[in-house]
Protein backbone atom coordinates (compact mmCIF):
# COMPACT_ATOMS: atom_id res chain seq x y z
CA MET A 1 2.37 -36.10 9.13
CA SER A 2 -0.64 -35.15 7.04
CA LEU A 3 -0.37 -32.84 4.04
CA HIS A 4 -2.64 -30.42 5.88
CA SER A 5 -0.39 -30.14 8.93
CA MET A 6 2.74 -30.10 6.77
CA LEU A 7 1.46 -27.14 4.79
CA ARG A 8 0.53 -25.36 7.98
CA GLY A 9 4.08 -25.84 9.23
CA LEU A 10 5.65 -24.67 6.01
CA ILE A 11 3.51 -21.58 5.72
CA SER A 12 3.79 -20.55 9.35
CA SER A 13 7.58 -20.89 9.25
CA ALA A 14 8.19 -19.19 5.92
CA ILE A 15 5.80 -16.27 5.76
CA LYS A 16 6.42 -13.25 7.85
CA PRO A 17 3.19 -11.98 9.42
CA ARG A 18 2.36 -8.41 8.59
CA ARG A 19 0.83 -5.58 10.54
CA HIS A 20 -0.95 -3.27 8.15
CA LEU A 21 -2.45 0.07 8.96
CA LEU A 22 -5.53 -0.05 6.75
CA HIS A 23 -8.89 1.50 7.31
CA LYS A 24 -11.56 -1.23 7.26
CA ASN A 25 -13.87 0.70 4.95
CA CYS A 26 -11.00 1.33 2.55
CA ILE A 27 -10.21 -2.39 2.49
CA GLN A 28 -13.78 -3.31 1.66
CA ARG A 29 -14.02 -0.62 -1.00
CA SER A 30 -10.76 -1.82 -2.52
CA LEU A 31 -12.09 -5.37 -2.71
CA GLN A 32 -15.19 -4.19 -4.49
CA ASP A 33 -13.09 -2.27 -7.01
CA GLY A 34 -10.82 -5.27 -7.65
CA CYS A 35 -8.10 -5.21 -5.02
CA HIS A 36 -6.12 -7.90 -6.82
CA LYS A 37 -4.57 -4.99 -8.71
CA ASN A 38 -2.96 -3.90 -5.44
CA LEU A 39 -1.14 -7.24 -5.20
CA GLN A 40 0.16 -7.24 -8.75
CA ARG A 41 3.85 -6.70 -9.27
CA ASN A 42 6.61 -9.26 -9.81
CA ILE A 43 6.27 -12.99 -9.13
CA ARG A 44 9.01 -15.56 -8.61
CA LEU A 45 7.92 -19.18 -8.52
CA VAL A 46 9.39 -22.28 -6.93
CA SER A 47 8.04 -25.79 -7.33
CA SER A 48 9.12 -28.61 -5.03
CA TYR A 49 9.72 -32.34 -4.76
CA LYS A 50 10.17 -34.78 -1.89
CA GLY A 51 8.24 -32.68 0.56
CA ALA A 52 10.39 -29.59 0.20
CA PRO A 53 8.63 -26.22 0.44
CA SER A 54 7.97 -24.33 -2.77
CA PRO A 55 7.57 -20.63 -2.14
CA VAL A 56 6.03 -18.37 -4.76
CA HIS A 57 7.64 -15.02 -4.17
CA HIS A 58 5.59 -11.93 -4.92
CA ASN A 59 6.89 -8.42 -4.98
CA VAL A 60 3.69 -7.01 -3.62
CA LYS A 61 2.61 -3.55 -4.57
CA ARG A 62 0.35 -2.62 -1.70
CA GLN A 63 -2.10 0.16 -1.68
CA HIS A 64 -1.42 2.46 1.26
CA PHE A 65 -4.75 4.00 2.08
CA GLY A 66 -4.52 7.59 3.27
CA VAL A 67 -6.20 8.30 6.56
CA SER A 68 -7.84 11.70 6.58
CA THR A 69 -7.58 13.86 9.67
CA LEU A 70 -10.97 15.30 8.76
CA ASP A 71 -14.08 14.36 10.64
CA ALA A 72 -17.73 15.19 10.06
CA SER A 73 -17.46 18.42 12.05
CA SER A 74 -14.62 19.76 9.89
CA ASP A 75 -16.00 19.26 6.40
CA PRO A 76 -13.98 21.48 4.01
CA ALA A 77 -17.27 22.47 2.36
CA ASN A 78 -18.07 24.32 5.59
CA ALA A 79 -14.61 25.82 6.14
CA THR A 80 -15.54 29.44 5.46
CA ASN A 81 -14.58 30.35 9.03
CA ALA A 82 -11.08 28.85 8.83
CA GLN A 83 -8.45 31.42 9.81
CA LEU A 84 -5.42 32.10 7.58
CA GLU A 85 -2.15 33.56 8.88
CA MET A 86 1.11 34.07 6.99
CA ASP A 87 4.37 34.14 8.92
CA SER A 88 6.42 37.34 9.11
CA GLN A 89 8.62 36.41 6.15
CA SER A 90 5.73 35.07 4.02
CA ASN A 91 7.41 31.66 3.80
CA SER A 92 4.54 29.66 5.26
CA LEU A 93 0.80 29.73 5.87
CA GLN A 94 -1.01 28.55 8.96
CA ILE A 95 -4.65 27.45 8.67
CA SER A 96 -6.67 27.27 11.87
CA TRP A 97 -9.65 25.05 11.14
CA SER A 98 -13.08 25.48 12.72
CA ASP A 99 -12.63 22.31 14.82
CA GLY A 100 -9.51 23.68 16.52
CA PHE A 101 -7.04 21.73 14.36
CA SER A 102 -4.12 23.74 12.98
CA SER A 103 -2.00 23.11 9.87
CA ARG A 104 1.08 24.88 8.52
CA TYR A 105 2.20 24.75 4.87
CA HIS A 106 5.37 26.10 3.32
CA SER A 107 4.92 28.53 0.47
CA ILE A 108 6.94 26.47 -1.99
CA TRP A 109 4.93 23.34 -1.05
CA LEU A 110 1.71 25.21 -1.82
CA ARG A 111 3.09 26.30 -5.21
CA ASN A 112 4.17 22.76 -6.02
CA HIS A 113 0.68 21.41 -5.18
CA CYS A 114 -1.35 24.02 -7.00
CA GLN A 115 -4.50 22.47 -8.49
CA CYS A 116 -5.47 25.12 -11.04
CA ALA A 117 -6.03 24.09 -14.66
CA SER A 118 -2.51 25.25 -15.61
CA CYS A 119 -0.83 23.11 -12.95
CA LYS A 120 -3.00 20.00 -12.78
CA GLN A 121 -4.63 18.09 -15.62
CA LEU A 122 -8.37 17.86 -15.06
CA HIS A 123 -9.11 14.26 -16.10
CA SER A 124 -5.89 12.47 -15.13
CA GLY A 125 -5.26 14.47 -11.96
CA GLN A 126 -1.55 14.57 -12.82
CA LYS A 127 0.73 17.53 -12.32
CA LEU A 128 1.65 19.76 -15.25
CA ILE A 129 4.10 21.97 -13.41
CA GLU A 130 7.81 21.16 -13.25
CA GLN A 131 9.54 21.77 -9.94
CA HIS A 132 12.48 23.49 -11.62
CA ASP A 133 10.04 26.09 -12.98
CA ILE A 134 9.08 27.20 -9.47
CA PRO A 135 10.96 30.44 -8.66
CA ARG A 136 13.39 30.58 -5.75
CA PRO A 137 12.61 32.14 -3.40
CA CYS A 138 8.90 31.52 -3.49
CA THR A 139 7.06 33.68 -0.98
CA LEU A 140 3.38 34.29 -0.37
CA LYS A 141 1.72 37.53 -1.44
CA SER A 142 -1.92 36.92 -0.50
CA THR A 143 -4.25 34.10 0.50
CA GLN A 144 -8.01 33.87 0.82
CA ILE A 145 -10.71 31.22 1.00
CA GLN A 146 -12.86 30.94 -2.09
CA ASP A 147 -16.46 29.66 -1.82
CA GLY A 148 -15.61 27.88 1.43
CA THR A 149 -13.99 25.01 -0.49
CA HIS A 150 -10.68 26.27 -1.95
CA LEU A 151 -7.66 28.29 -0.96
CA GLN A 152 -6.73 30.99 -3.45
CA ILE A 153 -3.07 31.97 -3.38
CA SER A 154 -0.77 34.48 -5.06
CA TRP A 155 3.03 34.68 -4.82
CA LYS A 156 5.35 37.66 -4.92
CA GLU A 157 7.75 36.26 -7.53
CA THR A 158 5.16 35.34 -10.16
CA ALA A 159 1.82 36.54 -11.49
CA HIS A 160 0.40 33.04 -11.13
CA GLU A 161 -2.85 32.70 -9.15
CA GLY A 162 -3.01 29.33 -7.39
CA LEU A 163 -6.00 27.30 -6.25
CA ILE A 164 -5.96 24.30 -3.87
CA SER A 165 -8.95 22.52 -2.36
CA LEU A 166 -9.27 22.77 1.41
CA GLU A 167 -10.09 19.07 1.54
CA PHE A 168 -6.73 18.28 -0.07
CA LEU A 169 -4.92 20.60 2.33
CA ARG A 170 -6.57 19.08 5.38
CA GLU A 171 -5.96 15.48 4.27
CA ASN A 172 -2.33 16.22 3.39
CA SER A 173 -1.41 18.29 6.42
CA TYR A 174 2.16 17.23 7.20
CA GLY A 175 2.85 18.69 10.63
CA ASN A 176 3.48 16.59 13.71
CA ASP A 177 -0.06 17.14 14.97
CA ALA A 178 -1.48 15.88 11.68
CA ILE A 179 0.72 12.79 11.74
CA ASP A 180 -0.31 12.00 15.31
CA ALA A 181 -3.98 12.53 14.48
CA ALA A 182 -3.77 10.23 11.45
CA ALA A 183 -1.98 7.55 13.45
CA SER A 184 -4.72 7.59 16.10
CA LEU A 185 -7.32 6.67 13.45
CA ARG A 186 -5.47 3.61 12.22
CA ASP A 187 -6.35 0.05 13.07
CA ASN A 188 -3.38 -2.13 14.06
CA VAL A 189 -4.09 -5.59 12.67
CA PHE A 190 -2.27 -8.50 14.34
CA PHE A 191 -2.53 -12.07 13.12
CA LYS A 192 -3.47 -14.41 15.96
CA GLY A 193 -4.70 -17.36 13.93
CA PRO A 194 -6.03 -19.74 12.99
CA ILE A 195 -4.85 -19.67 9.38
CA GLU A 196 -7.88 -19.15 7.15
CA GLU A 197 -8.42 -21.89 4.57
CA PHE A 198 -9.63 -21.55 0.99
CA ASP A 199 -10.45 -24.17 -1.61
CA TYR A 200 -8.53 -23.90 -4.87
CA LYS A 201 -11.66 -24.37 -6.99
CA ASP A 202 -13.48 -21.68 -5.03
CA ILE A 203 -10.84 -18.99 -5.47
CA SER A 204 -10.53 -19.97 -9.15
CA SER A 205 -14.24 -19.72 -9.95
CA CYS A 206 -15.97 -17.66 -7.26
CA LYS A 207 -15.27 -13.92 -7.24
CA LYS A 208 -16.38 -13.56 -3.62
CA SER A 209 -13.98 -16.28 -2.44
CA PHE A 210 -11.22 -14.86 -4.61
CA PHE A 211 -11.61 -11.37 -3.11
CA ARG A 212 -11.77 -12.80 0.40
CA TRP A 213 -8.52 -14.68 -0.27
CA LEU A 214 -6.84 -11.48 -1.47
CA GLN A 215 -8.14 -9.59 1.53
CA CYS A 216 -6.72 -12.23 3.86
CA LEU A 217 -3.32 -12.02 2.15
CA ASP A 218 -3.35 -8.24 2.16
CA VAL A 219 -4.39 -7.77 5.78
CA TYR A 220 -2.82 -10.76 7.55
CA GLY A 221 -0.14 -11.82 5.06
CA ILE A 222 -1.03 -15.50 5.36
CA ALA A 223 -3.63 -17.94 3.98
CA LEU A 224 -3.92 -21.66 3.25
CA VAL A 225 -5.20 -22.86 -0.13
CA MET A 226 -6.37 -26.46 -0.03
CA ASN A 227 -6.84 -29.07 -2.79
CA VAL A 228 -4.36 -27.55 -5.22
CA PRO A 229 -3.54 -30.25 -7.80
CA THR A 230 -0.09 -31.74 -7.23
CA GLU A 231 1.06 -31.18 -10.79
CA LEU A 232 4.09 -29.48 -12.25
CA ARG A 233 3.64 -25.72 -12.82
CA GLN A 234 0.43 -25.71 -10.82
CA VAL A 235 2.08 -23.19 -8.51
CA ALA A 236 2.27 -20.83 -11.50
CA LYS A 237 -1.44 -21.19 -12.16
CA VAL A 238 -2.21 -20.21 -8.57
CA ALA A 239 0.15 -17.24 -8.77
CA GLU A 240 -1.33 -16.08 -12.07
CA LEU A 241 -4.69 -15.67 -10.37
CA ILE A 242 -3.06 -12.56 -8.90
CA ALA A 243 -0.57 -11.39 -11.51
CA PRO A 244 1.64 -12.54 -14.40
CA VAL A 245 4.86 -14.36 -13.52
CA GLN A 246 8.09 -12.42 -13.93
CA ASN A 247 11.38 -14.14 -14.62
CA THR A 248 14.25 -13.58 -12.17
CA LEU A 249 17.83 -14.75 -11.85
CA TYR A 250 16.38 -17.97 -10.41
CA GLY A 251 14.32 -18.56 -13.53
CA GLU A 252 10.55 -18.69 -13.74
CA ILE A 253 10.16 -21.86 -11.66
CA PHE A 254 12.78 -23.68 -9.63
CA ASP A 255 12.92 -26.37 -6.98
CA VAL A 256 13.80 -26.15 -3.32
CA VAL A 257 14.75 -29.65 -2.19
CA ALA A 258 16.10 -30.83 1.15
CA THR A 259 19.60 -32.29 0.66
CA ASP A 260 22.09 -34.07 2.91
CA GLU A 261 24.68 -31.30 2.59
CA PRO A 262 22.68 -28.10 2.08
CA ILE A 263 24.38 -24.89 1.00
CA ASN A 264 21.50 -22.95 2.51
CA VAL A 265 19.30 -23.69 5.49
CA ALA A 266 16.32 -23.48 3.11
CA TYR A 267 17.59 -26.66 1.44
CA SER A 268 17.43 -28.65 4.65
CA THR A 269 14.78 -29.97 7.02
CA ALA A 270 15.69 -27.40 9.66
CA PRO A 271 12.79 -25.15 10.68
CA LEU A 272 12.82 -21.56 9.44
CA GLY A 273 11.58 -18.67 11.54
CA PHE A 274 9.75 -15.66 10.16
CA HIS A 275 11.93 -13.90 7.63
CA MET A 276 12.08 -11.99 4.35
CA ASP A 277 13.73 -13.32 1.19
CA LEU A 278 15.77 -11.47 -1.45
CA MET A 279 16.15 -8.29 0.56
CA TYR A 280 18.99 -7.29 -1.76
CA TYR A 281 16.47 -6.81 -4.57
CA GLU A 282 15.41 -3.30 -5.49
CA SER A 283 11.84 -4.43 -4.72
CA PRO A 284 12.12 -7.37 -2.29
CA PRO A 285 9.32 -9.95 -2.32
CA GLY A 286 6.61 -9.20 0.18
CA LEU A 287 4.66 -12.46 0.05
CA GLN A 288 5.42 -16.17 -0.38
CA LEU A 289 3.05 -18.89 -1.53
CA LEU A 290 4.26 -22.40 -0.70
CA HIS A 291 3.15 -25.41 -2.73
CA CYS A 292 3.96 -28.85 -1.32
CA LEU A 293 3.80 -31.52 -4.02
CA ARG A 294 4.37 -34.46 -1.68
C-alpha cells in the first residue's frame, strides 16, 4: 500500500466529518482577517512508528458566525416606521418591523443589553453593568425610536435611560420566528470528497495556500497534507502552524503503535469508524491531524 493511500485511509477513518453552518461571505472575510485565530486553542500531539497513525488533537475554538435575520428591505437605518407595543404588565416589548417581521424582548433582557455609555464601553464593546445591579422586578415605563436607528427605553424601577441599536435588536431577536428565519439562511455543508490535498511547503510558505488549508479544515473538517518530512517532532511543526502545543496528561508528543495485544482498538490494525476522542475533557478535541512516519 502506498503512503498516499495509507494516509487517506487513516484520515478518513479517524476524523469525524463536520457539518458547519457558516455563511460563505463570513468564511471568506474570516480568512482575509486571519482565520487561523479561530482554530487556535489546545493541541495534543502524537507521533508514530511502524505505520501506526499519529493523530494531532486540537481543541478547536471555532468562530460561530451570526446569521442576521435582516435583509436589504429591513435596514435598521430605515426603521422609523417600526411599531412598538408593550404588554399589559410592561414585562416585554414587541417590535413589528416594516417588513412584517415581529420580535418580542423581555424588559429585563433589554436592561441587561443596554448600549448606553454607562452600560457598554465604547472602544472595547464590553458590558459595564453587573446583572446583580439590575432591579427586580424590572418593568418598562416608556419606549420610543430615536433617529430611526436606536430604541430609547426607560424603566419604572430606575431613573436610567437606556439605548439599544435597532440593528442589534433585529440581529439578536430570540423568538421562535427569528430562530427559524436564521436557520433558513444557513448553508448546510456536507463533505462528499475527494479529500483536498496540500503540499507541506506550500502551507508553510504561501499565505494563500495556508488560508485555503485552514478553510478546508474549518468547513469540511478534513484535509491531506503531502510531503511532510518523516522526522521526529515534525508533527509538532505542522501543528504549530495553527497554534502552540499544549501539554496534556498524555504528554506533548506520544506514540500510537499497533501491538499484538492492544489495550485499546486504536493500538491495533483494526479499522476505526468516525469518532471523537477525549470526550471526557472539559473542551474535547475537535480536530485530528494524523502523521504517518512509515
